[in-house]
């Protein structure tokens, strides 16, 4: 994964969440960018995708 084109961590586990109707993941992320709502890019099967940092537990927005 990257933030502003700099390596910032890696995904340790990922799965589809039916509750969120989206993929979610647990990752080890550098403390310099691991704030909630921080946007990062994740390389998935050769394609860069946008992702959002969030602390556990994952919660739905109201």
C-alpha atoms as a PDB file:
ATOM      1  CA  UNK A   1       0.000   0.000   0.000  1.00  0.00           C
ATOM      2  CA  UNK A   2       1.125   3.571  -0.482  1.00  0.00           C
ATOM      3  CA  UNK A   3       0.396   7.089   0.631  1.00  0.00           C
ATOM      4  CA  UNK A   4       1.516   9.869  -1.691  1.00  0.00           C
ATOM      5  CA  UNK A   5       3.458   7.233  -3.669  1.00  0.00           C
ATOM      6  CA  UNK A   6       5.491   6.162  -0.599  1.00  0.00           C
ATOM      7  CA  UNK A   7       5.347   2.629   0.801  1.00  0.00           C
ATOM      8  CA  UNK A   8       3.398   2.745   4.069  1.00  0.00           C
ATOM      9  CA  UNK A   9       2.521  -0.834   5.030  1.00  0.00           C
ATOM     10  CA  UNK A  10       0.907  -4.095   3.998  1.00  0.00           C
ATOM     11  CA  UNK A  11      -2.394  -5.939   4.272  1.00  0.00           C
ATOM     12  CA  UNK A  12      -2.355  -8.908   6.670  1.00  0.00           C
ATOM     13  CA  UNK A  13      -5.925 -10.142   6.115  1.00  0.00           C
ATOM     14  CA  UNK A  14      -8.836  -9.222   3.839  1.00  0.00           C
ATOM     15  CA  UNK A  15     -12.380 -10.447   3.214  1.00  0.00           C
ATOM     16  CA  UNK A  16     -15.753  -9.392   1.844  1.00  0.00           C
ATOM     17  CA  UNK A  17     -18.106  -8.031   4.522  1.00  0.00           C
ATOM     18  CA  UNK A  18     -21.815  -8.571   3.869  1.00  0.00           C
ATOM     19  CA  UNK A  19     -22.592  -6.058   6.660  1.00  0.00           C
ATOM     20  CA  UNK A  20     -20.743  -3.316   4.774  1.00  0.00           C
ATOM     21  CA  UNK A  21     -21.350  -4.753   1.286  1.00  0.00           C
ATOM     22  CA  UNK A  22     -17.659  -4.093   0.645  1.00  0.00           C
ATOM     23  CA  UNK A  23     -14.201  -5.570   1.094  1.00  0.00           C
ATOM     24  CA  UNK A  24     -12.499  -4.862   4.422  1.00  0.00           C
ATOM     25  CA  UNK A  25      -8.938  -5.567   5.533  1.00  0.00           C
ATOM     26  CA  UNK A  26      -6.619  -5.556   8.517  1.00  0.00           C
ATOM     27  CA  UNK A  27      -3.232  -4.005   7.735  1.00  0.00           C
ATOM     28  CA  UNK A  28       0.028  -2.942   9.316  1.00  0.00           C
ATOM     29  CA  UNK A  29       0.275   0.764   8.477  1.00  0.00           C
ATOM     30  CA  UNK A  30       2.966   3.323   9.266  1.00  0.00           C
ATOM     31  CA  UNK A  31       2.020   5.577  12.200  1.00  0.00           C
ATOM     32  CA  UNK A  32       2.718   8.635  10.044  1.00  0.00           C
ATOM     33  CA  UNK A  33      -0.469   8.057   8.012  1.00  0.00           C
ATOM     34  CA  UNK A  34      -2.639   5.740  10.106  1.00  0.00           C
ATOM     35  CA  UNK A  35      -5.172   8.389  11.149  1.00  0.00           C
ATOM     36  CA  UNK A  36      -8.877   7.636  10.767  1.00  0.00           C
ATOM     37  CA  UNK A  37     -10.307   8.685   7.416  1.00  0.00           C
ATOM     38  CA  UNK A  38      -6.832   8.907   5.810  1.00  0.00           C
ATOM     39  CA  UNK A  39      -6.990   7.815   2.148  1.00  0.00           C
ATOM     40  CA  UNK A  40      -4.329   5.423   0.879  1.00  0.00           C
ATOM     41  CA  UNK A  41      -3.801   3.272  -2.214  1.00  0.00           C
ATOM     42  CA  UNK A  42      -3.672  -0.512  -2.024  1.00  0.00           C
ATOM     43  CA  UNK A  43      -2.249  -2.729  -4.770  1.00  0.00           C
ATOM     44  CA  UNK A  44      -4.762  -5.532  -5.395  1.00  0.00           C
ATOM     45  CA  UNK A  45      -3.984  -8.106  -8.086  1.00  0.00           C
ATOM     46  CA  UNK A  46      -1.829  -5.615 -10.012  1.00  0.00           C
ATOM     47  CA  UNK A  47      -4.322  -2.728  -9.787  1.00  0.00           C
ATOM     48  CA  UNK A  48      -4.126   0.293  -7.446  1.00  0.00           C
ATOM     49  CA  UNK A  49      -7.358   0.877  -5.476  1.00  0.00           C
ATOM     50  CA  UNK A  50      -8.329   3.650  -3.068  1.00  0.00           C
ATOM     51  CA  UNK A  51      -8.853   2.676   0.588  1.00  0.00           C
ATOM     52  CA  UNK A  52      -9.658   4.496   3.810  1.00  0.00           C
ATOM     53  CA  UNK A  53      -7.881   3.959   7.143  1.00  0.00           C
ATOM     54  CA  UNK A  54     -10.079   3.175  10.131  1.00  0.00           C
ATOM     55  CA  UNK A  55      -9.464   1.924  13.650  1.00  0.00           C
ATOM     56  CA  UNK A  56     -11.073  -1.225  14.997  1.00  0.00           C
ATOM     57  CA  UNK A  57     -13.843  -2.041  15.470  1.00  0.00           C
ATOM     58  CA  UNK A  58     -15.201  -1.217  12.028  1.00  0.00           C
ATOM     59  CA  UNK A  59     -18.469   0.706  12.347  1.00  0.00           C
ATOM     60  CA  UNK A  60     -21.035   1.913   9.858  1.00  0.00           C
ATOM     61  CA  UNK A  61     -21.482   5.654   9.410  1.00  0.00           C
ATOM     62  CA  UNK A  62     -24.886   6.924  10.524  1.00  0.00           C
END
